[in-house]
Amino acid sequence: MTVQRHASPAPHGHVADAAEVHARTGRAVPDATVARLATYFRVLGGFRDGLAVTVSSDELAAAAGVNSAMLRKDLSYLGSYGIRGVGYDVITLTEEIARVLGLTVHRSVALIGVGNLGQALAGYSGFASRGFRIAALLDADPARIGSKIRGLVVQDVAHLEGVVRRENITIAVLAIPAAVAQEVCDRLVDAGVTSILNFAPVVLNVPDHVDVRQVDLAAELQILSFHENRKAAEMPHIEAGGRR
């Protein structure tokens, strides 16, 4: 997944959001750190479900697939360093990360495109558990308009601007063909959307104040294919080395 775009400890008992962290420390939280914070948040949920009270940096790092030094550096942006010999309080750290990621505010999301991928996204229960409400489903296909998915009526994308304003939507998900993605993106931005998750295989041009996360599933498979090629090329050398 890619992004497109054209500190000191917090006082005891206080949890800072990202803007406050930047203002207090003079350090913006890097995009790579934000991505890992989202992973830590998910992993901490598993520890909470397992009734863990504290977690060590080594345990959390291993579960998140990073090394403990990187974990501690990431969490330093929160002003949270844990307790030596004890680790991190699971609930407190979860709340801190949620605040920085903006997950303490429930956000309304519009999903444009309810084909196979869009329907799968609309049915994903993980959005609601992370504070995101799918507030609107929109499509251009007359056969889909008026149908219901998880209790939501699919609306005509022709009414996109009115839906965005009525539902106070600032985040949109695009699961539409590449040929129409830029046009729909422009309409969303004009209507007030400032964050877009794009599944269309095309680079979107957006103003500086709009953030785009690009998810190209085919590209991810191509990367895995590259690694499969590399492993296949290395295999004869490994086998030859084993016969010596």
C-alpha atoms as a PDB file:
ATOM      1  CA  MET A   1       0.000   0.000   0.000  1.00  0.00           C
ATOM      2  CA  THR A   2       1.323   3.451  -0.858  1.00  0.00           C
ATOM      3  CA  VAL A   3       0.561   7.044   0.038  1.00  0.00           C
ATOM      4  CA  GLN A   4      -0.016   9.733  -2.559  1.00  0.00           C
ATOM      5  CA  ARG A   5       0.487  13.413  -1.673  1.00  0.00           C
ATOM      6  CA  HIS A   6       1.238  16.415  -4.198  1.00  0.00           C
ATOM      7  CA  ALA A   7       9.118  14.049  21.725  1.00  0.00           C
ATOM      8  CA  SER A   8       8.813  14.462  25.125  1.00  0.00           C
ATOM      9  CA  PRO A   9       6.571  12.247  27.352  1.00  0.00           C
ATOM     10  CA  ALA A  10       2.937  13.273  27.737  1.00  0.00           C
ATOM     11  CA  PRO A  11       1.814  14.392  31.191  1.00  0.00           C
ATOM     12  CA  HIS A  12       0.627  11.577  33.414  1.00  0.00           C
ATOM     13  CA  GLY A  13      -2.891  10.478  32.564  1.00  0.00           C
ATOM     14  CA  HIS A  14      -2.964  12.559  29.370  1.00  0.00           C
ATOM     15  CA  VAL A  15      -3.244  11.067  25.902  1.00  0.00           C
ATOM     16  CA  ALA A  16      -2.236  13.146  22.897  1.00  0.00           C
ATOM     17  CA  ASP A  17      -3.589  13.149  19.369  1.00  0.00           C
ATOM     18  CA  ALA A  18      -1.355  13.400  16.318  1.00  0.00           C
ATOM     19  CA  ALA A  19      -1.675  17.172  15.948  1.00  0.00           C
ATOM     20  CA  GLU A  20      -0.868  17.690  19.607  1.00  0.00           C
ATOM     21  CA  VAL A  21       2.122  15.358  19.400  1.00  0.00           C
ATOM     22  CA  HIS A  22       3.453  17.411  16.482  1.00  0.00           C
ATOM     23  CA  ALA A  23       2.841  20.722  18.229  1.00  0.00           C
ATOM     24  CA  ARG A  24       4.436  19.606  21.501  1.00  0.00           C
ATOM     25  CA  THR A  25       7.473  17.773  20.171  1.00  0.00           C
ATOM     26  CA  GLY A  26       8.008  19.528  16.853  1.00  0.00           C
ATOM     27  CA  ARG A  27       8.060  16.068  15.226  1.00  0.00           C
ATOM     28  CA  ALA A  28       5.491  14.989  12.696  1.00  0.00           C
ATOM     29  CA  VAL A  29       4.638  11.309  12.916  1.00  0.00           C
ATOM     30  CA  PRO A  30       6.066   9.696   9.733  1.00  0.00           C
ATOM     31  CA  ASP A  31       3.705   7.797   7.430  1.00  0.00           C
ATOM     32  CA  ALA A  32       5.650   4.571   7.993  1.00  0.00           C
ATOM     33  CA  THR A  33       5.223   4.955  11.752  1.00  0.00           C
ATOM     34  CA  VAL A  34       1.499   5.640  11.335  1.00  0.00           C
ATOM     35  CA  ALA A  35       1.178   2.388   9.377  1.00  0.00           C
ATOM     36  CA  ARG A  36       2.956   0.462  12.132  1.00  0.00           C
ATOM     37  CA  LEU A  37       0.856   2.149  14.836  1.00  0.00           C
ATOM     38  CA  ALA A  38      -2.208   0.745  13.095  1.00  0.00           C
ATOM     39  CA  THR A  39      -0.606  -2.707  13.280  1.00  0.00           C
ATOM     40  CA  TYR A  40       0.238  -2.270  16.977  1.00  0.00           C
ATOM     41  CA  PHE A  41      -3.364  -1.234  17.605  1.00  0.00           C
ATOM     42  CA  ARG A  42      -4.657  -4.415  15.966  1.00  0.00           C
ATOM     43  CA  VAL A  43      -2.172  -6.606  17.816  1.00  0.00           C
ATOM     44  CA  LEU A  44      -2.964  -4.969  21.153  1.00  0.00           C
ATOM     45  CA  GLY A  45      -6.607  -5.837  20.540  1.00  0.00           C
ATOM     46  CA  GLY A  46      -5.571  -9.473  20.523  1.00  0.00           C
ATOM     47  CA  PHE A  47      -3.728  -9.060  23.810  1.00  0.00           C
ATOM     48  CA  ARG A  48      -6.791  -7.353  25.302  1.00  0.00           C
ATOM     49  CA  ASP A  49      -9.020 -10.183  24.109  1.00  0.00           C
ATOM     50  CA  GLY A  50      -6.607 -12.572  25.826  1.00  0.00           C
ATOM     51  CA  LEU A  51      -7.042 -10.566  29.055  1.00  0.00           C
ATOM     52  CA  ALA A  52      -3.401  -9.494  29.127  1.00  0.00           C
ATOM     53  CA  VAL A  53      -2.781  -6.554  31.467  1.00  0.00           C
ATOM     54  CA  THR A  54       0.747  -5.699  30.321  1.00  0.00           C
ATOM     55  CA  VAL A  55       2.895  -6.611  27.342  1.00  0.00           C
ATOM     56  CA  SER A  56       6.655  -6.349  26.947  1.00  0.00           C
ATOM     57  CA  SER A  57       8.241  -4.530  24.015  1.00  0.00           C
ATOM     58  CA  ASP A  58       9.692  -7.838  22.794  1.00  0.00           C
ATOM     59  CA  GLU A  59       6.265  -9.538  22.885  1.00  0.00           C
ATOM     60  CA  LEU A  60       4.508  -6.658  21.129  1.00  0.00           C
ATOM     61  CA  ALA A  61       7.269  -6.283  18.546  1.00  0.00           C
ATOM     62  CA  ALA A  62       7.265  -9.997  17.735  1.00  0.00           C
ATOM     63  CA  ALA A  63       3.486 -10.060  17.356  1.00  0.00           C
ATOM     64  CA  ALA A  64       3.635  -7.013  15.070  1.00  0.00           C
ATOM     65  CA  GLY A  65       6.518  -8.363  12.989  1.00  0.00           C
ATOM     66  CA  VAL A  66       9.028  -5.625  13.839  1.00  0.00           C
ATOM     67  CA  ASN A  67      12.086  -5.441  16.068  1.00  0.00           C
ATOM     68  CA  SER A  68      11.812  -4.010  19.568  1.00  0.00           C
ATOM     69  CA  ALA A  69      14.054  -1.023  18.776  1.00  0.00           C
ATOM     70  CA  MET A  70      11.725   0.088  15.998  1.00  0.00           C
ATOM     71  CA  LEU A  71       8.721  -0.436  18.256  1.00  0.00           C
ATOM     72  CA  ARG A  72      10.189   1.753  20.993  1.00  0.00           C
ATOM     73  CA  LYS A  73      11.087   4.454  18.466  1.00  0.00           C
ATOM     74  CA  ASP A  74       7.543   4.419  17.051  1.00  0.00           C
ATOM     75  CA  LEU A  75       5.979   4.640  20.490  1.00  0.00           C
ATOM     76  CA  SER A  76       8.286   7.488  21.466  1.00  0.00           C
ATOM     77  CA  TYR A  77       6.134   9.724  19.254  1.00  0.00           C
ATOM     78  CA  LEU A  78       3.339   9.093  21.738  1.00  0.00           C
ATOM     79  CA  GLY A  79       5.533   9.962  24.708  1.00  0.00           C
ATOM     80  CA  SER A  80       4.957   6.404  25.942  1.00  0.00           C
ATOM     81  CA  TYR A  81       8.029   4.479  26.990  1.00  0.00           C
ATOM     82  CA  GLY A  82       6.529   1.768  29.162  1.00  0.00           C
ATOM     83  CA  ILE A  83       7.821   0.713  32.559  1.00  0.00           C
ATOM     84  CA  ARG A  84      11.187  -0.976  32.800  1.00  0.00           C
ATOM     85  CA  GLY A  85      10.789  -4.586  33.854  1.00  0.00           C
ATOM     86  CA  VAL A  86       7.016  -4.435  33.416  1.00  0.00           C
ATOM     87  CA  GLY A  87       6.337  -3.360  29.848  1.00  0.00           C
ATOM     88  CA  TYR A  88       3.367  -1.460  28.493  1.00  0.00           C
ATOM     89  CA  ASP A  89      -0.079  -1.292  30.023  1.00  0.00           C
ATOM     90  CA  VAL A  90      -2.237  -2.831  27.291  1.00  0.00           C
ATOM     91  CA  ILE A  91      -5.330  -0.688  27.826  1.00  0.00           C
ATOM     92  CA  THR A  92      -3.441   2.601  28.192  1.00  0.00           C
ATOM     93  CA  LEU A  93      -1.281   1.986  25.135  1.00  0.00           C
ATOM     94  CA  THR A  94      -4.307   0.955  23.079  1.00  0.00           C
ATOM     95  CA  GLU A  95      -6.069   4.179  24.050  1.00  0.00           C
ATOM     96  CA  GLU A  96      -3.002   6.276  23.242  1.00  0.00           C
ATOM     97  CA  ILE A  97      -2.633   4.777  19.775  1.00  0.00           C
ATOM     98  CA  ALA A  98      -6.371   5.097  19.132  1.00  0.00           C
ATOM     99  CA  ARG A  99      -6.191   8.804  19.973  1.00  0.00           C
ATOM    100  CA  VAL A 100      -3.208   9.430  17.697  1.00  0.00           C
ATOM    101  CA  LEU A 101      -4.868   7.527  14.847  1.00  0.00           C
ATOM    102  CA  GLY A 102      -8.080   9.472  15.337  1.00  0.00           C
ATOM    103  CA  LEU A 103     -10.056   6.352  16.208  1.00  0.00           C
ATOM    104  CA  THR A 104     -11.786   7.935  19.190  1.00  0.00           C
ATOM    105  CA  VAL A 105     -13.998   9.805  16.710  1.00  0.00           C
ATOM    106  CA  HIS A 106     -16.494   7.742  14.734  1.00  0.00           C
ATOM    107  CA  ARG A 107     -16.062   8.578  11.061  1.00  0.00           C
ATOM    108  CA  SER A 108     -18.593   8.224   8.256  1.00  0.00           C
ATOM    109  CA  VAL A 109     -17.298   6.608   5.078  1.00  0.00           C
ATOM    110  CA  ALA A 110     -18.717   6.500   1.570  1.00  0.00           C
ATOM    111  CA  LEU A 111     -18.064   3.401  -0.543  1.00  0.00           C
ATOM    112  CA  ILE A 112     -18.270   4.040  -4.267  1.00  0.00           C
ATOM    113  CA  GLY A 113     -18.602   0.922  -6.386  1.00  0.00           C
ATOM    114  CA  VAL A 114     -20.451  -2.155  -5.148  1.00  0.00           C
ATOM    115  CA  GLY A 115     -19.237  -4.796  -7.558  1.00  0.00           C
ATOM    116  CA  ASN A 116     -17.609  -7.939  -6.190  1.00  0.00           C
ATOM    117  CA  LEU A 117     -14.858  -6.050  -4.342  1.00  0.00           C
ATOM    118  CA  GLY A 118     -17.171  -3.302  -3.146  1.00  0.00           C
ATOM    119  CA  GLN A 119     -19.679  -5.800  -1.762  1.00  0.00           C
ATOM    120  CA  ALA A 120     -16.908  -7.594   0.106  1.00  0.00           C
ATOM    121  CA  LEU A 121     -15.738  -4.296   1.595  1.00  0.00           C
ATOM    122  CA  ALA A 122     -19.292  -3.295   2.503  1.00  0.00           C
ATOM    123  CA  GLY A 123     -19.698  -6.576   4.374  1.00  0.00           C
ATOM    124  CA  TYR A 124     -16.458  -6.290   6.347  1.00  0.00           C
ATOM    125  CA  SER A 125     -17.320  -6.033  10.047  1.00  0.00           C
ATOM    126  CA  GLY A 126     -13.849  -4.816  10.977  1.00  0.00           C
ATOM    127  CA  PHE A 127     -14.638  -1.252   9.912  1.00  0.00           C
ATOM    128  CA  ALA A 128     -17.286  -0.737  12.585  1.00  0.00           C
ATOM    129  CA  SER A 129     -15.107  -2.212  15.319  1.00  0.00           C
ATOM    130  CA  ARG A 130     -12.388   0.351  14.474  1.00  0.00           C
ATOM    131  CA  GLY A 131     -14.724   3.354  14.548  1.00  0.00           C
ATOM    132  CA  PHE A 132     -15.647   3.602  10.855  1.00  0.00           C
ATOM    133  CA  ARG A 133     -19.273   3.639   9.750  1.00  0.00           C
ATOM    134  CA  ILE A 134     -20.116   2.857   6.151  1.00  0.00           C
ATOM    135  CA  ALA A 135     -22.670   5.642   5.785  1.00  0.00           C
ATOM    136  CA  ALA A 136     -23.323   5.424   2.055  1.00  0.00           C
ATOM    137  CA  LEU A 137     -23.022   2.966  -0.822  1.00  0.00           C
ATOM    138  CA  LEU A 138     -23.024   4.398  -4.335  1.00  0.00           C
ATOM    139  CA  ASP A 139     -22.849   2.886  -7.814  1.00  0.00           C
ATOM    140  CA  ALA A 140     -23.538   3.812 -11.437  1.00  0.00           C
ATOM    141  CA  ASP A 141     -25.071   0.485 -12.463  1.00  0.00           C
ATOM    142  CA  PRO A 142     -28.901   0.719 -12.648  1.00  0.00           C
ATOM    143  CA  ALA A 143     -29.062  -2.997 -11.757  1.00  0.00           C
ATOM    144  CA  ARG A 144     -27.395  -2.290  -8.409  1.00  0.00           C
ATOM    145  CA  ILE A 145     -29.001   1.041  -7.537  1.00  0.00           C
ATOM    146  CA  GLY A 146     -31.804   0.479  -5.041  1.00  0.00           C
ATOM    147  CA  SER A 147     -30.516  -2.891  -3.853  1.00  0.00           C
ATOM    148  CA  LYS A 148     -29.580  -3.394  -0.203  1.00  0.00           C
ATOM    149  CA  ILE A 149     -26.272  -4.511   1.274  1.00  0.00           C
ATOM    150  CA  ARG A 150     -26.153  -5.035   5.035  1.00  0.00           C
ATOM    151  CA  GLY A 151     -29.214  -2.824   5.423  1.00  0.00           C
ATOM    152  CA  LEU A 152     -27.882   0.054   3.321  1.00  0.00           C
ATOM    153  CA  VAL A 153     -29.582   1.029   0.077  1.00  0.00           C
ATOM    154  CA  VAL A 154     -27.214   1.469  -2.855  1.00  0.00           C
ATOM    155  CA  GLN A 155     -27.639   5.025  -4.150  1.00  0.00           C
ATOM    156  CA  ASP A 156     -27.024   6.507  -7.578  1.00  0.00           C
ATOM    157  CA  VAL A 157     -23.511   7.956  -7.864  1.00  0.00           C
ATOM    158  CA  ALA A 158     -25.143  10.871  -9.679  1.00  0.00           C
ATOM    159  CA  HIS A 159     -26.235  12.036  -6.223  1.00  0.00           C
ATOM    160  CA  LEU A 160     -22.739  11.739  -4.755  1.00  0.00           C
ATOM    161  CA  GLU A 161     -22.298  15.385  -3.746  1.00  0.00           C
ATOM    162  CA  GLY A 162     -25.577  15.559  -1.848  1.00  0.00           C
ATOM    163  CA  VAL A 163     -24.898  12.265  -0.065  1.00  0.00           C
ATOM    164  CA  VAL A 164     -21.415  13.375   1.020  1.00  0.00           C
ATOM    165  CA  ARG A 165     -22.731  16.616   2.493  1.00  0.00           C
ATOM    166  CA  ARG A 166     -25.812  15.071   4.089  1.00  0.00           C
ATOM    167  CA  GLU A 167     -23.846  12.277   5.794  1.00  0.00           C
ATOM    168  CA  ASN A 168     -20.897  14.549   6.723  1.00  0.00           C
ATOM    169  CA  ILE A 169     -18.483  12.229   4.914  1.00  0.00           C
ATOM    170  CA  THR A 170     -14.771  13.078   4.792  1.00  0.00           C
ATOM    171  CA  ILE A 171     -13.430   9.618   3.861  1.00  0.00           C
ATOM    172  CA  ALA A 172     -14.309   7.712   0.695  1.00  0.00           C
ATOM    173  CA  VAL A 173     -13.395   4.279  -0.627  1.00  0.00           C
ATOM    174  CA  LEU A 174     -13.141   3.812  -4.391  1.00  0.00           C
ATOM    175  CA  ALA A 175     -13.786   0.314  -5.744  1.00  0.00           C
ATOM    176  CA  ILE A 176     -14.481   1.385  -9.301  1.00  0.00           C
ATOM    177  CA  PRO A 177     -12.871   0.991 -12.753  1.00  0.00           C
ATOM    178  CA  ALA A 178      -9.713   2.998 -13.406  1.00  0.00           C
ATOM    179  CA  ALA A 179     -11.338   4.816 -16.331  1.00  0.00           C
ATOM    180  CA  VAL A 180     -13.758   6.703 -14.075  1.00  0.00           C
ATOM    181  CA  ALA A 181     -11.698   6.922 -10.871  1.00  0.00           C
ATOM    182  CA  GLN A 182     -10.242  10.400 -11.459  1.00  0.00           C
ATOM    183  CA  GLU A 183     -13.623  11.888 -12.364  1.00  0.00           C
ATOM    184  CA  VAL A 184     -15.245  10.449  -9.236  1.00  0.00           C
ATOM    185  CA  CYS A 185     -12.245  11.528  -7.161  1.00  0.00           C
ATOM    186  CA  ASP A 186     -12.606  15.121  -8.396  1.00  0.00           C
ATOM    187  CA  ARG A 187     -16.280  15.138  -7.489  1.00  0.00           C
ATOM    188  CA  LEU A 188     -15.532  13.782  -4.029  1.00  0.00           C
ATOM    189  CA  VAL A 189     -12.886  16.435  -3.395  1.00  0.00           C
ATOM    190  CA  ASP A 190     -15.203  19.202  -4.593  1.00  0.00           C
ATOM    191  CA  ALA A 191     -17.867  17.887  -2.212  1.00  0.00           C
ATOM    192  CA  GLY A 192     -15.489  18.087   0.769  1.00  0.00           C
ATOM    193  CA  VAL A 193     -13.910  14.641   1.011  1.00  0.00           C
ATOM    194  CA  THR A 194     -10.309  14.939   2.230  1.00  0.00           C
ATOM    195  CA  SER A 195      -9.206  11.289   2.480  1.00  0.00           C
ATOM    196  CA  ILE A 196      -9.572   8.555  -0.150  1.00  0.00           C
ATOM    197  CA  LEU A 197      -8.803   4.835  -0.088  1.00  0.00           C
ATOM    198  CA  ASN A 198      -8.327   3.917  -3.738  1.00  0.00           C
ATOM    199  CA  PHE A 199      -8.601   0.347  -5.022  1.00  0.00           C
ATOM    200  CA  ALA A 200      -8.686   1.445  -8.665  1.00  0.00           C
ATOM    201  CA  PRO A 201      -5.389   0.672 -10.475  1.00  0.00           C
ATOM    202  CA  VAL A 202      -4.640   4.286 -11.315  1.00  0.00           C
ATOM    203  CA  VAL A 203      -2.745   7.149  -9.693  1.00  0.00           C
ATOM    204  CA  LEU A 204      -5.141   9.886  -8.611  1.00  0.00           C
ATOM    205  CA  ASN A 205      -4.258  13.567  -8.852  1.00  0.00           C
ATOM    206  CA  VAL A 206      -5.466  15.409  -5.763  1.00  0.00           C
ATOM    207  CA  PRO A 207      -4.838  18.758  -4.052  1.00  0.00           C
ATOM    208  CA  ASP A 208      -2.233  18.950  -1.299  1.00  0.00           C
ATOM    209  CA  HIS A 209      -4.866  18.873   1.467  1.00  0.00           C
ATOM    210  CA  VAL A 210      -6.255  15.518   0.298  1.00  0.00           C
ATOM    211  CA  ASP A 211      -4.662  12.213   1.349  1.00  0.00           C
ATOM    212  CA  VAL A 212      -4.887   9.119  -0.852  1.00  0.00           C
ATOM    213  CA  ARG A 213      -4.014   5.563   0.135  1.00  0.00           C
ATOM    214  CA  GLN A 214      -3.482   3.361  -2.891  1.00  0.00           C
ATOM    215  CA  VAL A 215      -4.264  -0.357  -2.729  1.00  0.00           C
ATOM    216  CA  ASP A 216      -3.297  -2.211  -5.910  1.00  0.00           C
ATOM    217  CA  LEU A 217      -3.979  -5.896  -5.317  1.00  0.00           C
ATOM    218  CA  ALA A 218      -2.541  -6.947  -8.691  1.00  0.00           C
ATOM    219  CA  ALA A 219       0.688  -5.064  -7.957  1.00  0.00           C
ATOM    220  CA  GLU A 220       0.987  -6.813  -4.593  1.00  0.00           C
ATOM    221  CA  LEU A 221       0.653 -10.185  -6.339  1.00  0.00           C
ATOM    222  CA  GLN A 222       3.288  -9.122  -8.861  1.00  0.00           C
ATOM    223  CA  ILE A 223       5.666  -8.349  -5.998  1.00  0.00           C
ATOM    224  CA  LEU A 224       5.040 -11.808  -4.560  1.00  0.00           C
ATOM    225  CA  SER A 225       5.631 -13.271  -8.011  1.00  0.00           C
ATOM    226  CA  PHE A 226       9.012 -11.539  -8.092  1.00  0.00           C
ATOM    227  CA  HIS A 227       9.937 -13.145  -4.774  1.00  0.00           C
ATOM    228  CA  GLU A 228       8.785 -16.548  -6.043  1.00  0.00           C
ATOM    229  CA  ASN A 229      11.058 -16.114  -9.072  1.00  0.00           C
ATOM    230  CA  ARG A 230      13.949 -15.151  -6.825  1.00  0.00           C
ATOM    231  CA  LYS A 231      13.445 -18.153  -4.558  1.00  0.00           C
ATOM    232  CA  ALA A 232      13.195 -20.490  -7.544  1.00  0.00           C
ATOM    233  CA  ALA A 233      16.452 -19.101  -8.937  1.00  0.00           C
ATOM    234  CA  GLU A 234      18.207 -19.575  -5.607  1.00  0.00           C
ATOM    235  CA  MET A 235      16.969 -23.120  -5.093  1.00  0.00           C
ATOM    236  CA  PRO A 236      19.456 -24.891  -7.437  1.00  0.00           C
ATOM    237  CA  HIS A 237      22.350 -23.166  -5.635  1.00  0.00           C
ATOM    238  CA  ILE A 238      20.975 -24.212  -2.255  1.00  0.00           C
ATOM    239  CA  GLU A 239      20.487 -27.799  -3.416  1.00  0.00           C
ATOM    240  CA  ALA A 240      23.969 -27.884  -4.957  1.00  0.00           C
ATOM    241  CA  GLY A 241      25.460 -26.572  -1.740  1.00  0.00           C
ATOM    242  CA  GLY A 242      23.641 -29.260   0.240  1.00  0.00           C
ATOM    243  CA  ARG A 243      25.204 -32.058  -1.866  1.00  0.00           C
ATOM    244  CA  ARG A 244      28.760 -31.027  -1.198  1.00  0.00           C
END
